PDB file of N, CA and C in Angstrom:
ATOM      1  N   SER A   1       1.658 -32.541 -29.839  1.00  0.00           N
ATOM      2  CA  SER A   1       1.424 -32.599 -28.409  1.00  0.00           C
ATOM      3  C   SER A   1       2.194 -31.484 -27.696  1.00  0.00           C
ATOM      4  N   LEU A   2       3.445 -31.253 -28.106  1.00  0.00           N
ATOM      5  CA  LEU A   2       4.259 -30.206 -27.512  1.00  0.00           C
ATOM      6  C   LEU A   2       3.674 -28.831 -27.829  1.00  0.00           C
ATOM      7  N   MET A   3       3.118 -28.680 -29.023  1.00  0.00           N
ATOM      8  CA  MET A   3       2.489 -27.425 -29.422  1.00  0.00           C
ATOM      9  C   MET A   3       1.256 -27.135 -28.566  1.00  0.00           C
ATOM     10  N   MET A   4       0.486 -28.158 -28.244  1.00  0.00           N
ATOM     11  CA  MET A   4      -0.707 -28.004 -27.408  1.00  0.00           C
ATOM     12  C   MET A   4      -0.322 -27.578 -25.994  1.00  0.00           C
ATOM     13  N   ILE A   5       0.736 -28.147 -25.450  1.00  0.00           N
ATOM     14  CA  ILE A   5       1.189 -27.799 -24.103  1.00  0.00           C
ATOM     15  C   ILE A   5       1.671 -26.354 -24.072  1.00  0.00           C
ATOM     16  N   SER A   6       2.420 -25.951 -25.077  1.00  0.00           N
ATOM     17  CA  SER A   6       2.926 -24.591 -25.165  1.00  0.00           C
ATOM     18  C   SER A   6       1.779 -23.584 -25.252  1.00  0.00           C
ATOM     19  N   ARG A   7       0.792 -23.870 -26.090  1.00  0.00           N
ATOM     20  CA  ARG A   7      -0.371 -22.991 -26.239  1.00  0.00           C
ATOM     21  C   ARG A   7      -1.171 -22.942 -24.945  1.00  0.00           C
ATOM     22  N   SER A   8      -1.302 -24.071 -24.279  1.00  0.00           N
ATOM     23  CA  SER A   8      -2.029 -24.145 -23.027  1.00  0.00           C
ATOM     24  C   SER A   8      -1.351 -23.310 -21.936  1.00  0.00           C
ATOM     25  N   ARG A   9      -0.025 -23.384 -21.850  1.00  0.00           N
ATOM     26  CA  ARG A   9       0.716 -22.590 -20.861  1.00  0.00           C
ATOM     27  C   ARG A   9       0.593 -21.102 -21.158  1.00  0.00           C
ATOM     28  N   SER A  10       0.668 -20.748 -22.425  1.00  0.00           N
ATOM     29  CA  SER A  10       0.549 -19.353 -22.818  1.00  0.00           C
ATOM     30  C   SER A  10      -0.825 -18.798 -22.437  1.00  0.00           C
ATOM     31  N   THR A  11      -1.859 -19.552 -22.719  1.00  0.00           N
ATOM     32  CA  THR A  11      -3.214 -19.143 -22.360  1.00  0.00           C
ATOM     33  C   THR A  11      -3.362 -19.037 -20.851  1.00  0.00           C
ATOM     34  N   ALA A  12      -2.789 -19.973 -20.125  1.00  0.00           N
ATOM     35  CA  ALA A  12      -2.867 -19.955 -18.663  1.00  0.00           C
ATOM     36  C   ALA A  12      -2.201 -18.702 -18.092  1.00  0.00           C
ATOM     37  N   TRP A  13      -1.044 -18.324 -18.638  1.00  0.00           N
ATOM     38  CA  TRP A  13      -0.358 -17.128 -18.149  1.00  0.00           C
ATOM     39  C   TRP A  13      -1.141 -15.858 -18.475  1.00  0.00           C
ATOM     40  N   ILE A  14      -1.783 -15.820 -19.613  1.00  0.00           N
ATOM     41  CA  ILE A  14      -2.598 -14.653 -19.977  1.00  0.00           C
ATOM     42  C   ILE A  14      -3.778 -14.524 -19.023  1.00  0.00           C
ATOM     43  N   VAL A  15      -4.446 -15.624 -18.758  1.00  0.00           N
ATOM     44  CA  VAL A  15      -5.584 -15.613 -17.831  1.00  0.00           C
ATOM     45  C   VAL A  15      -5.113 -15.219 -16.434  1.00  0.00           C
ATOM     46  N   TYR A  16      -4.032 -15.827 -15.962  1.00  0.00           N
ATOM     47  CA  TYR A  16      -3.503 -15.534 -14.632  1.00  0.00           C
ATOM     48  C   TYR A  16      -3.118 -14.061 -14.505  1.00  0.00           C
ATOM     49  N   SER A  17      -2.403 -13.530 -15.483  1.00  0.00           N
ATOM     50  CA  SER A  17      -1.980 -12.133 -15.444  1.00  0.00           C
ATOM     51  C   SER A  17      -3.180 -11.194 -15.444  1.00  0.00           C
ATOM     52  N   SER A  18      -4.176 -11.503 -16.243  1.00  0.00           N
ATOM     53  CA  SER A  18      -5.392 -10.678 -16.290  1.00  0.00           C
ATOM     54  C   SER A  18      -6.101 -10.680 -14.946  1.00  0.00           C
ATOM     55  N   LEU A  19      -6.217 -11.839 -14.337  1.00  0.00           N
ATOM     56  CA  LEU A  19      -6.879 -11.933 -13.038  1.00  0.00           C
ATOM     57  C   LEU A  19      -6.098 -11.205 -11.947  1.00  0.00           C
ATOM     58  N   GLU A  20      -4.780 -11.237 -12.004  1.00  0.00           N
ATOM     59  CA  GLU A  20      -3.969 -10.515 -11.022  1.00  0.00           C
ATOM     60  C   GLU A  20      -4.139  -9.003 -11.171  1.00  0.00           C
ATOM     61  N   ILE A  21      -4.182  -8.517 -12.388  1.00  0.00           N
ATOM     62  CA  ILE A  21      -4.398  -7.081 -12.619  1.00  0.00           C
ATOM     63  C   ILE A  21      -5.759  -6.669 -12.090  1.00  0.00           C
ATOM     64  N   ILE A  22      -6.767  -7.475 -12.361  1.00  0.00           N
ATOM     65  CA  ILE A  22      -8.111  -7.183 -11.848  1.00  0.00           C
ATOM     66  C   ILE A  22      -8.113  -7.200 -10.321  1.00  0.00           C
ATOM     67  N   ARG A  23      -7.422  -8.169  -9.709  1.00  0.00           N
ATOM     68  CA  ARG A  23      -7.371  -8.266  -8.246  1.00  0.00           C
ATOM     69  C   ARG A  23      -6.761  -7.025  -7.613  1.00  0.00           C
ATOM     70  N   VAL A  24      -5.652  -6.544  -8.165  1.00  0.00           N
ATOM     71  CA  VAL A  24      -4.996  -5.362  -7.609  1.00  0.00           C
ATOM     72  C   VAL A  24      -5.885  -4.129  -7.793  1.00  0.00           C
ATOM     73  N   ALA A  25      -6.473  -3.967  -8.953  1.00  0.00           N
ATOM     74  CA  ALA A  25      -7.328  -2.802  -9.216  1.00  0.00           C
ATOM     75  C   ALA A  25      -8.567  -2.808  -8.342  1.00  0.00           C
ATOM     76  N   VAL A  26      -9.239  -3.935  -8.252  1.00  0.00           N
ATOM     77  CA  VAL A  26     -10.470  -4.026  -7.456  1.00  0.00           C
ATOM     78  C   VAL A  26     -10.148  -3.872  -5.970  1.00  0.00           C
ATOM     79  N   GLY A  27      -9.075  -4.481  -5.518  1.00  0.00           N
ATOM     80  CA  GLY A  27      -8.693  -4.383  -4.114  1.00  0.00           C
ATOM     81  C   GLY A  27      -8.370  -2.960  -3.692  1.00  0.00           C
ATOM     82  N   ALA A  28      -7.843  -2.191  -4.602  1.00  0.00           N
ATOM     83  CA  ALA A  28      -7.475  -0.811  -4.287  1.00  0.00           C
ATOM     84  C   ALA A  28      -8.659   0.136  -4.346  1.00  0.00           C
ATOM     85  N   LEU A  29      -9.602  -0.123  -5.214  1.00  0.00           N
ATOM     86  CA  LEU A  29     -10.656   0.855  -5.464  1.00  0.00           C
ATOM     87  C   LEU A  29     -11.967   0.594  -4.734  1.00  0.00           C
ATOM     88  N   LEU A  30     -12.213  -0.631  -4.323  1.00  0.00           N
ATOM     89  CA  LEU A  30     -13.464  -0.902  -3.620  1.00  0.00           C
ATOM     90  C   LEU A  30     -13.365  -0.477  -2.167  1.00  0.00           C
ATOM     91  N   PRO A  31     -14.395   0.223  -1.674  1.00  0.00           N
ATOM     92  CA  PRO A  31     -14.379   0.526  -0.246  1.00  0.00           C
ATOM     93  C   PRO A  31     -14.669  -0.764   0.511  1.00  0.00           C
ATOM     94  N   GLY A  32     -14.077  -0.907   1.628  1.00  0.00           N
ATOM     95  CA  GLY A  32     -14.340  -2.127   2.367  1.00  0.00           C
ATOM     96  C   GLY A  32     -13.502  -2.227   3.610  1.00  0.00           C
ATOM     97  N   TYR A  33     -13.768  -3.253   4.351  1.00  0.00           N
ATOM     98  CA  TYR A  33     -13.069  -3.507   5.601  1.00  0.00           C
ATOM     99  C   TYR A  33     -11.815  -4.304   5.283  1.00  0.00           C
ATOM    100  N   VAL A  34     -10.706  -3.598   5.080  1.00  0.00           N
ATOM    101  CA  VAL A  34      -9.452  -4.256   4.747  1.00  0.00           C
ATOM    102  C   VAL A  34      -8.394  -3.745   5.717  1.00  0.00           C
ATOM    103  N   HIS A  35      -8.183  -4.464   6.800  1.00  0.00           N
ATOM    104  CA  HIS A  35      -7.154  -4.133   7.788  1.00  0.00           C
ATOM    105  C   HIS A  35      -7.098  -2.633   8.074  1.00  0.00           C
ATOM    106  N   PRO A  36      -8.108  -2.076   8.741  1.00  0.00           N
ATOM    107  CA  PRO A  36      -8.149  -0.626   8.930  1.00  0.00           C
ATOM    108  C   PRO A  36      -6.943  -0.071   9.677  1.00  0.00           C
ATOM    109  N   ASP A  37      -6.386  -0.819  10.624  1.00  0.00           N
ATOM    110  CA  ASP A  37      -5.210  -0.296  11.322  1.00  0.00           C
ATOM    111  C   ASP A  37      -4.063  -0.044  10.365  1.00  0.00           C
ATOM    112  N   GLU A  38      -3.857  -0.959   9.427  1.00  0.00           N
ATOM    113  CA  GLU A  38      -2.747  -0.814   8.516  1.00  0.00           C
ATOM    114  C   GLU A  38      -2.991   0.273   7.467  1.00  0.00           C
ATOM    115  N   PHE A  39      -4.210   0.358   6.946  1.00  0.00           N
ATOM    116  CA  PHE A  39      -4.456   1.301   5.870  1.00  0.00           C
ATOM    117  C   PHE A  39      -4.960   2.661   6.341  1.00  0.00           C
ATOM    118  N   PHE A  40      -5.736   2.701   7.398  1.00  0.00           N
ATOM    119  CA  PHE A  40      -6.285   3.976   7.832  1.00  0.00           C
ATOM    120  C   PHE A  40      -5.447   4.627   8.916  1.00  0.00           C
ATOM    121  N   GLN A  41      -4.822   3.839   9.767  1.00  0.00           N
ATOM    122  CA  GLN A  41      -4.033   4.393  10.857  1.00  0.00           C
ATOM    123  C   GLN A  41      -2.549   4.161  10.670  1.00  0.00           C
ATOM    124  N   GLY A  42      -2.157   3.472   9.603  1.00  0.00           N
ATOM    125  CA  GLY A  42      -0.749   3.161   9.391  1.00  0.00           C
ATOM    126  C   GLY A  42       0.127   4.387   9.275  1.00  0.00           C
ATOM    127  N   GLY A  43      -0.377   5.426   8.682  1.00  0.00           N
ATOM    128  CA  GLY A  43       0.407   6.635   8.525  1.00  0.00           C
ATOM    129  C   GLY A  43       0.350   7.563   9.717  1.00  0.00           C
ATOM    130  N   GLN A  44      -0.526   7.269  10.671  1.00  0.00           N
ATOM    131  CA  GLN A  44      -0.684   8.127  11.843  1.00  0.00           C
ATOM    132  C   GLN A  44       0.643   8.312  12.564  1.00  0.00           C
ATOM    133  N   ASP A  45       1.314   7.230  12.850  1.00  0.00           N
ATOM    134  CA  ASP A  45       2.580   7.316  13.572  1.00  0.00           C
ATOM    135  C   ASP A  45       3.702   7.854  12.694  1.00  0.00           C
ATOM    136  N   LEU A  46       3.594   7.681  11.376  1.00  0.00           N
ATOM    137  CA  LEU A  46       4.642   8.155  10.476  1.00  0.00           C
ATOM    138  C   LEU A  46       4.525   9.641  10.180  1.00  0.00           C
ATOM    139  N   PHE A  47       3.284  10.142  10.050  1.00  0.00           N
ATOM    140  CA  PHE A  47       3.098  11.529   9.666  1.00  0.00           C
ATOM    141  C   PHE A  47       2.716  12.430  10.832  1.00  0.00           C
ATOM    142  N   PHE A  48       2.011  11.890  11.816  1.00  0.00           N
ATOM    143  CA  PHE A  48       1.533  12.708  12.918  1.00  0.00           C
ATOM    144  C   PHE A  48       2.094  12.260  14.261  1.00  0.00           C
ATOM    145  N   GLY A  49       2.885  11.222  14.284  1.00  0.00           N
ATOM    146  CA  GLY A  49       3.261  10.578  15.534  1.00  0.00           C
ATOM    147  C   GLY A  49       4.452  11.140  16.259  1.00  0.00           C
ATOM    148  N   CYS A  50       4.779  12.400  16.044  1.00  0.00           N
ATOM    149  CA  CYS A  50       5.898  12.940  16.808  1.00  0.00           C
ATOM    150  C   CYS A  50       5.443  13.185  18.244  1.00  0.00           C
ATOM    151  N   PRO A  51       6.326  13.022  19.212  1.00  0.00           N
ATOM    152  CA  PRO A  51       5.935  13.171  20.621  1.00  0.00           C
ATOM    153  C   PRO A  51       5.250  14.501  20.845  1.00  0.00           C
ATOM    154  N   PRO A  52       4.236  14.536  21.672  1.00  0.00           N
ATOM    155  CA  PRO A  52       3.717  13.488  22.556  1.00  0.00           C
ATOM    156  C   PRO A  52       2.553  12.718  21.962  1.00  0.00           C
ATOM    157  N   LEU A  53       2.432  12.654  20.652  1.00  0.00           N
ATOM    158  CA  LEU A  53       1.283  12.015  20.020  1.00  0.00           C
ATOM    159  C   LEU A  53       1.549  10.595  19.532  1.00  0.00           C
ATOM    160  N   VAL A  54       2.547   9.941  20.063  1.00  0.00           N
ATOM    161  CA  VAL A  54       2.857   8.577  19.637  1.00  0.00           C
ATOM    162  C   VAL A  54       1.727   7.657  20.102  1.00  0.00           C
ATOM    163  N   PRO A  55       1.106   6.894  19.204  1.00  0.00           N
ATOM    164  CA  PRO A  55       0.051   5.970  19.610  1.00  0.00           C
ATOM    165  C   PRO A  55       0.568   4.963  20.642  1.00  0.00           C
ATOM    166  N   TRP A  56      -0.309   4.536  21.523  1.00  0.00           N
ATOM    167  CA  TRP A  56       0.099   3.695  22.660  1.00  0.00           C
ATOM    168  C   TRP A  56       0.812   2.418  22.241  1.00  0.00           C
ATOM    169  N   GLU A  57       0.423   1.817  21.108  1.00  0.00           N
ATOM    170  CA  GLU A  57       1.061   0.554  20.730  1.00  0.00           C
ATOM    171  C   GLU A  57       2.487   0.734  20.214  1.00  0.00           C
ATOM    172  N   PHE A  58       2.893   1.990  19.962  1.00  0.00           N
ATOM    173  CA  PHE A  58       4.251   2.265  19.504  1.00  0.00           C
ATOM    174  C   PHE A  58       5.122   2.886  20.596  1.00  0.00           C
ATOM    175  N   GLU A  59       4.560   3.070  21.785  1.00  0.00           N
ATOM    176  CA  GLU A  59       5.355   3.660  22.872  1.00  0.00           C
ATOM    177  C   GLU A  59       6.592   2.819  23.132  1.00  0.00           C
ATOM    178  N   ARG A  60       7.696   3.489  23.378  1.00  0.00           N
ATOM    179  CA  ARG A  60       8.976   2.815  23.527  1.00  0.00           C
ATOM    180  C   ARG A  60       8.961   1.783  24.668  1.00  0.00           C
ATOM    181  N   ASN A  61       8.352   2.093  25.786  1.00  0.00           N
ATOM    182  CA  ASN A  61       8.363   1.183  26.951  1.00  0.00           C
ATOM    183  C   ASN A  61       7.408   0.007  26.809  1.00  0.00           C
ATOM    184  N   ASN A  62       6.325   0.173  26.077  1.00  0.00           N
ATOM    185  CA  ASN A  62       5.298  -0.876  25.959  1.00  0.00           C
ATOM    186  C   ASN A  62       4.994  -1.207  24.504  1.00  0.00           C
ATOM    187  N   ALA A  63       5.991  -1.199  23.677  1.00  0.00           N
ATOM    188  CA  ALA A  63       5.763  -1.378  22.239  1.00  0.00           C
ATOM    189  C   ALA A  63       5.126  -2.728  21.917  1.00  0.00           C
ATOM    190  N   LEU A  64       3.994  -2.678  21.238  1.00  0.00           N
ATOM    191  CA  LEU A  64       3.311  -3.882  20.774  1.00  0.00           C
ATOM    192  C   LEU A  64       3.477  -4.056  19.269  1.00  0.00           C
ATOM    193  N   ARG A  65       3.832  -2.985  18.594  1.00  0.00           N
ATOM    194  CA  ARG A  65       3.961  -3.022  17.148  1.00  0.00           C
ATOM    195  C   ARG A  65       5.287  -2.407  16.736  1.00  0.00           C
ATOM    196  N   SER A  66       5.739  -2.784  15.568  1.00  0.00           N
ATOM    197  CA  SER A  66       6.961  -2.238  14.996  1.00  0.00           C
ATOM    198  C   SER A  66       6.602  -1.147  13.999  1.00  0.00           C
ATOM    199  N   ILE A  67       7.487  -0.212  13.823  1.00  0.00           N
ATOM    200  CA  ILE A  67       7.280   0.853  12.852  1.00  0.00           C
ATOM    201  C   ILE A  67       7.581   0.367  11.430  1.00  0.00           C
ATOM    202  N   PHE A  68       8.200  -0.784  11.294  1.00  0.00           N
ATOM    203  CA  PHE A  68       8.612  -1.278   9.977  1.00  0.00           C
ATOM    204  C   PHE A  68       7.438  -1.529   9.017  1.00  0.00           C
ATOM    205  N   PRO A  69       6.381  -2.297   9.408  1.00  0.00           N
ATOM    206  CA  PRO A  69       5.273  -2.515   8.456  1.00  0.00           C
ATOM    207  C   PRO A  69       4.594  -1.241   7.972  1.00  0.00           C
ATOM    208  N   PRO A  70       4.255  -0.278   8.870  1.00  0.00           N
ATOM    209  CA  PRO A  70       3.656   0.954   8.338  1.00  0.00           C
ATOM    210  C   PRO A  70       4.609   1.743   7.441  1.00  0.00           C
ATOM    211  N   THR A  71       5.912   1.637   7.714  1.00  0.00           N
ATOM    212  CA  THR A  71       6.876   2.333   6.868  1.00  0.00           C
ATOM    213  C   THR A  71       6.857   1.751   5.464  1.00  0.00           C
ATOM    214  N   VAL A  72       6.862   0.430   5.359  1.00  0.00           N
ATOM    215  CA  VAL A  72       6.865  -0.222   4.043  1.00  0.00           C
ATOM    216  C   VAL A  72       5.523  -0.040   3.340  1.00  0.00           C
ATOM    217  N   MET A  73       4.423  -0.181   4.082  1.00  0.00           N
ATOM    218  CA  MET A  73       3.097  -0.180   3.451  1.00  0.00           C
ATOM    219  C   MET A  73       2.520   1.215   3.243  1.00  0.00           C
ATOM    220  N   THR A  74       2.957   2.212   4.010  1.00  0.00           N
ATOM    221  CA  THR A  74       2.359   3.540   3.912  1.00  0.00           C
ATOM    222  C   THR A  74       3.375   4.616   3.549  1.00  0.00           C
ATOM    223  N   TRP A  75       4.397   4.773   4.375  1.00  0.00           N
ATOM    224  CA  TRP A  75       5.347   5.866   4.184  1.00  0.00           C
ATOM    225  C   TRP A  75       6.066   5.777   2.838  1.00  0.00           C
ATOM    226  N   PHE A  76       6.599   4.607   2.520  1.00  0.00           N
ATOM    227  CA  PHE A  76       7.365   4.447   1.283  1.00  0.00           C
ATOM    228  C   PHE A  76       6.539   4.741   0.032  1.00  0.00           C
ATOM    229  N   PRO A  77       5.351   4.106  -0.157  1.00  0.00           N
ATOM    230  CA  PRO A  77       4.606   4.401  -1.395  1.00  0.00           C
ATOM    231  C   PRO A  77       4.123   5.847  -1.483  1.00  0.00           C
ATOM    232  N   LEU A  78       3.719   6.441  -0.350  1.00  0.00           N
ATOM    233  CA  LEU A  78       3.248   7.824  -0.392  1.00  0.00           C
ATOM    234  C   LEU A  78       4.384   8.789  -0.700  1.00  0.00           C
ATOM    235  N   ASN A  79       5.546   8.570  -0.115  1.00  0.00           N
ATOM    236  CA  ASN A  79       6.691   9.439  -0.402  1.00  0.00           C
ATOM    237  C   ASN A  79       7.197   9.248  -1.829  1.00  0.00           C
ATOM    238  N   LEU A  80       7.186   8.023  -2.306  1.00  0.00           N
ATOM    239  CA  LEU A  80       7.585   7.766  -3.690  1.00  0.00           C
ATOM    240  C   LEU A  80       6.638   8.480  -4.653  1.00  0.00           C
ATOM    241  N   TYR A  81       5.353   8.345  -4.413  1.00  0.00           N
ATOM    242  CA  TYR A  81       4.352   8.994  -5.253  1.00  0.00           C
ATOM    243  C   TYR A  81       4.493  10.518  -5.187  1.00  0.00           C
ATOM    244  N   ALA A  82       4.666  11.057  -3.988  1.00  0.00           N
ATOM    245  CA  ALA A  82       4.798  12.512  -3.833  1.00  0.00           C
ATOM    246  C   ALA A  82       6.050  13.025  -4.541  1.00  0.00           C
ATOM    247  N   SER A  83       7.129  12.248  -4.519  1.00  0.00           N
ATOM    248  CA  SER A  83       8.347  12.692  -5.205  1.00  0.00           C
ATOM    249  C   SER A  83       8.175  12.635  -6.728  1.00  0.00           C
ATOM    250  N   LEU A  84       7.330  11.727  -7.207  1.00  0.00           N
ATOM    251  CA  LEU A  84       7.094  11.626  -8.654  1.00  0.00           C
ATOM    252  C   LEU A  84       6.200  12.742  -9.172  1.00  0.00           C
ATOM    253  N   ILE A  85       5.214  13.153  -8.360  1.00  0.00           N
ATOM    254  CA  ILE A  85       4.290  14.190  -8.827  1.00  0.00           C
ATOM    255  C   ILE A  85       4.767  15.590  -8.479  1.00  0.00           C
ATOM    256  N   LYS A  86       5.638  15.720  -7.470  1.00  0.00           N
ATOM    257  CA  LYS A  86       6.263  16.989  -7.076  1.00  0.00           C
ATOM    258  C   LYS A  86       5.259  18.129  -6.950  1.00  0.00           C
ATOM    259  N   ARG A  87       4.294  17.966  -6.070  1.00  0.00           N
ATOM    260  CA  ARG A  87       3.330  19.031  -5.780  1.00  0.00           C
ATOM    261  C   ARG A  87       3.865  19.889  -4.640  1.00  0.00           C
ATOM    262  N   GLY A  88       4.223  21.086  -4.904  1.00  0.00           N
ATOM    263  CA  GLY A  88       4.611  22.022  -3.854  1.00  0.00           C
ATOM    264  C   GLY A  88       5.708  21.498  -2.944  1.00  0.00           C
ATOM    265  N   GLY A  89       5.771  22.061  -1.767  1.00  0.00           N
ATOM    266  CA  GLY A  89       6.772  21.649  -0.788  1.00  0.00           C
ATOM    267  C   GLY A  89       6.082  21.280   0.505  1.00  0.00           C
ATOM    268  N   GLY A  90       6.853  21.171   1.540  1.00  0.00           N
ATOM    269  CA  GLY A  90       6.289  20.864   2.841  1.00  0.00           C
ATOM    270  C   GLY A  90       6.118  19.373   3.061  1.00  0.00           C
ATOM    271  N   ARG A  91       5.263  19.050   4.015  1.00  0.00           N
ATOM    272  CA  ARG A  91       5.071  17.653   4.388  1.00  0.00           C
ATOM    273  C   ARG A  91       4.334  16.894   3.292  1.00  0.00           C
ATOM    274  N   VAL A  92       4.703  15.640   3.121  1.00  0.00           N
ATOM    275  CA  VAL A  92       4.096  14.791   2.087  1.00  0.00           C
ATOM    276  C   VAL A  92       2.592  14.697   2.296  1.00  0.00           C
ATOM    277  N   ILE A  93       2.174  14.509   3.539  1.00  0.00           N
ATOM    278  CA  ILE A  93       0.753  14.312   3.829  1.00  0.00           C
ATOM    279  C   ILE A  93      -0.081  15.531   3.431  1.00  0.00           C
ATOM    280  N   ASP A  94       0.518  16.712   3.427  1.00  0.00           N
ATOM    281  CA  ASP A  94      -0.195  17.925   3.026  1.00  0.00           C
ATOM    282  C   ASP A  94      -0.323  18.048   1.518  1.00  0.00           C
ATOM    283  N   GLN A  95       0.444  17.274   0.768  1.00  0.00           N
ATOM    284  CA  GLN A  95       0.435  17.346  -0.689  1.00  0.00           C
ATOM    285  C   GLN A  95      -0.562  16.370  -1.321  1.00  0.00           C
ATOM    286  N   LEU A  96      -1.062  15.408  -0.554  1.00  0.00           N
ATOM    287  CA  LEU A  96      -1.888  14.342  -1.105  1.00  0.00           C
ATOM    288  C   LEU A  96      -3.333  14.474  -0.657  1.00  0.00           C
ATOM    289  N   SER A  97      -4.228  14.031  -1.517  1.00  0.00           N
ATOM    290  CA  SER A  97      -5.650  14.019  -1.162  1.00  0.00           C
ATOM    291  C   SER A  97      -5.939  12.804  -0.284  1.00  0.00           C
ATOM    292  N   GLY A  98      -7.086  12.816   0.357  1.00  0.00           N
ATOM    293  CA  GLY A  98      -7.483  11.678   1.184  1.00  0.00           C
ATOM    294  C   GLY A  98      -7.609  10.400   0.372  1.00  0.00           C
ATOM    295  N   LEU A  99      -8.101  10.519  -0.854  1.00  0.00           N
ATOM    296  CA  LEU A  99      -8.221   9.345  -1.725  1.00  0.00           C
ATOM    297  C   LEU A  99      -6.854   8.762  -2.051  1.00  0.00           C
ATOM    298  N   GLU A 100      -5.890   9.621  -2.325  1.00  0.00           N
ATOM    299  CA  GLU A 100      -4.536   9.134  -2.619  1.00  0.00           C
ATOM    300  C   GLU A 100      -3.935   8.423  -1.406  1.00  0.00           C
ATOM    301  N   VAL A 101      -4.134   8.988  -0.224  1.00  0.00           N
ATOM    302  CA  VAL A 101      -3.595   8.380   0.996  1.00  0.00           C
ATOM    303  C   VAL A 101      -4.244   7.023   1.255  1.00  0.00           C
ATOM    304  N   LEU A 102      -5.493   6.856   0.877  1.00  0.00           N
ATOM    305  CA  LEU A 102      -6.187   5.587   1.077  1.00  0.00           C
ATOM    306  C   LEU A 102      -5.837   4.556   0.003  1.00  0.00           C
ATOM    307  N   VAL A 103      -5.808   4.973  -1.250  1.00  0.00           N
ATOM    308  CA  VAL A 103      -5.668   4.030  -2.366  1.00  0.00           C
ATOM    309  C   VAL A 103      -4.219   3.641  -2.665  1.00  0.00           C
ATOM    310  N   LEU A 104      -3.292   4.565  -2.578  1.00  0.00           N
ATOM    311  CA  LEU A 104      -1.900   4.265  -2.943  1.00  0.00           C
ATOM    312  C   LEU A 104      -1.279   3.131  -2.128  1.00  0.00           C
ATOM    313  N   PRO A 105      -1.423   3.113  -0.792  1.00  0.00           N
ATOM    314  CA  PRO A 105      -0.875   1.961  -0.060  1.00  0.00           C
ATOM    315  C   PRO A 105      -1.533   0.638  -0.454  1.00  0.00           C
ATOM    316  N   ARG A 106      -2.817   0.664  -0.769  1.00  0.00           N
ATOM    317  CA  ARG A 106      -3.491  -0.562  -1.202  1.00  0.00           C
ATOM    318  C   ARG A 106      -2.927  -1.068  -2.521  1.00  0.00           C
ATOM    319  N   ILE A 107      -2.732  -0.167  -3.466  1.00  0.00           N
ATOM    320  CA  ILE A 107      -2.161  -0.550  -4.761  1.00  0.00           C
ATOM    321  C   ILE A 107      -0.754  -1.079  -4.559  1.00  0.00           C
ATOM    322  N   PHE A 108       0.042  -0.390  -3.754  1.00  0.00           N
ATOM    323  CA  PHE A 108       1.411  -0.819  -3.510  1.00  0.00           C
ATOM    324  C   PHE A 108       1.456  -2.209  -2.885  1.00  0.00           C
ATOM    325  N   CYS A 109       0.616  -2.457  -1.878  1.00  0.00           N
ATOM    326  CA  CYS A 109       0.593  -3.778  -1.231  1.00  0.00           C
ATOM    327  C   CYS A 109       0.086  -4.844  -2.197  1.00  0.00           C
ATOM    328  N   GLY A 110      -0.856  -4.492  -3.052  1.00  0.00           N
ATOM    329  CA  GLY A 110      -1.328  -5.444  -4.061  1.00  0.00           C
ATOM    330  C   GLY A 110      -0.230  -5.836  -5.026  1.00  0.00           C
ATOM    331  N   ILE A 111       0.536  -4.842  -5.469  1.00  0.00           N
ATOM    332  CA  ILE A 111       1.657  -5.127  -6.375  1.00  0.00           C
ATOM    333  C   ILE A 111       2.747  -5.921  -5.634  1.00  0.00           C
ATOM    334  N   LEU A 112       3.017  -5.545  -4.390  1.00  0.00           N
ATOM    335  CA  LEU A 112       4.021  -6.239  -3.587  1.00  0.00           C
ATOM    336  C   LEU A 112       3.640  -7.700  -3.357  1.00  0.00           C
ATOM    337  N   SER A 113       2.350  -7.980  -3.296  1.00  0.00           N
ATOM    338  CA  SER A 113       1.901  -9.362  -3.072  1.00  0.00           C
ATOM    339  C   SER A 113       2.171 -10.268  -4.278  1.00  0.00           C
ATOM    340  N   LEU A 114       2.457  -9.689  -5.431  1.00  0.00           N
ATOM    341  CA  LEU A 114       2.724 -10.471  -6.625  1.00  0.00           C
ATOM    342  C   LEU A 114       4.156 -11.003  -6.660  1.00  0.00           C
ATOM    343  N   ILE A 115       4.998 -10.448  -5.827  1.00  0.00           N
ATOM    344  CA  ILE A 115       6.418 -10.849  -5.825  1.00  0.00           C
ATOM    345  C   ILE A 115       6.601 -12.175  -5.127  1.00  0.00           C
TER     346      ILE A 115
END
């Protein structure tokens, strides 16, 4: 009986782990409507948002959003990736393709969701 429970748990973890890997991969690679502000505009304020181009929701006097979520979801994974691949110099956003800028934050958030 104990052997059956052990085998059952092992099989369950294998199935669960496989499904999680598929979820992260599919979530990152499929085009779709997935929080466009966070994934498509999240880096706007981090890479292009120096004054006077700060988006209205981040303006100091009328702030509706914090810079923290885009920093964790966009800036950190893109800078980490750029430092690992070390393509040229200059701004990180100039070193990455549009596909990398779109997919890397999705993969990072998918992995972060497993914690």
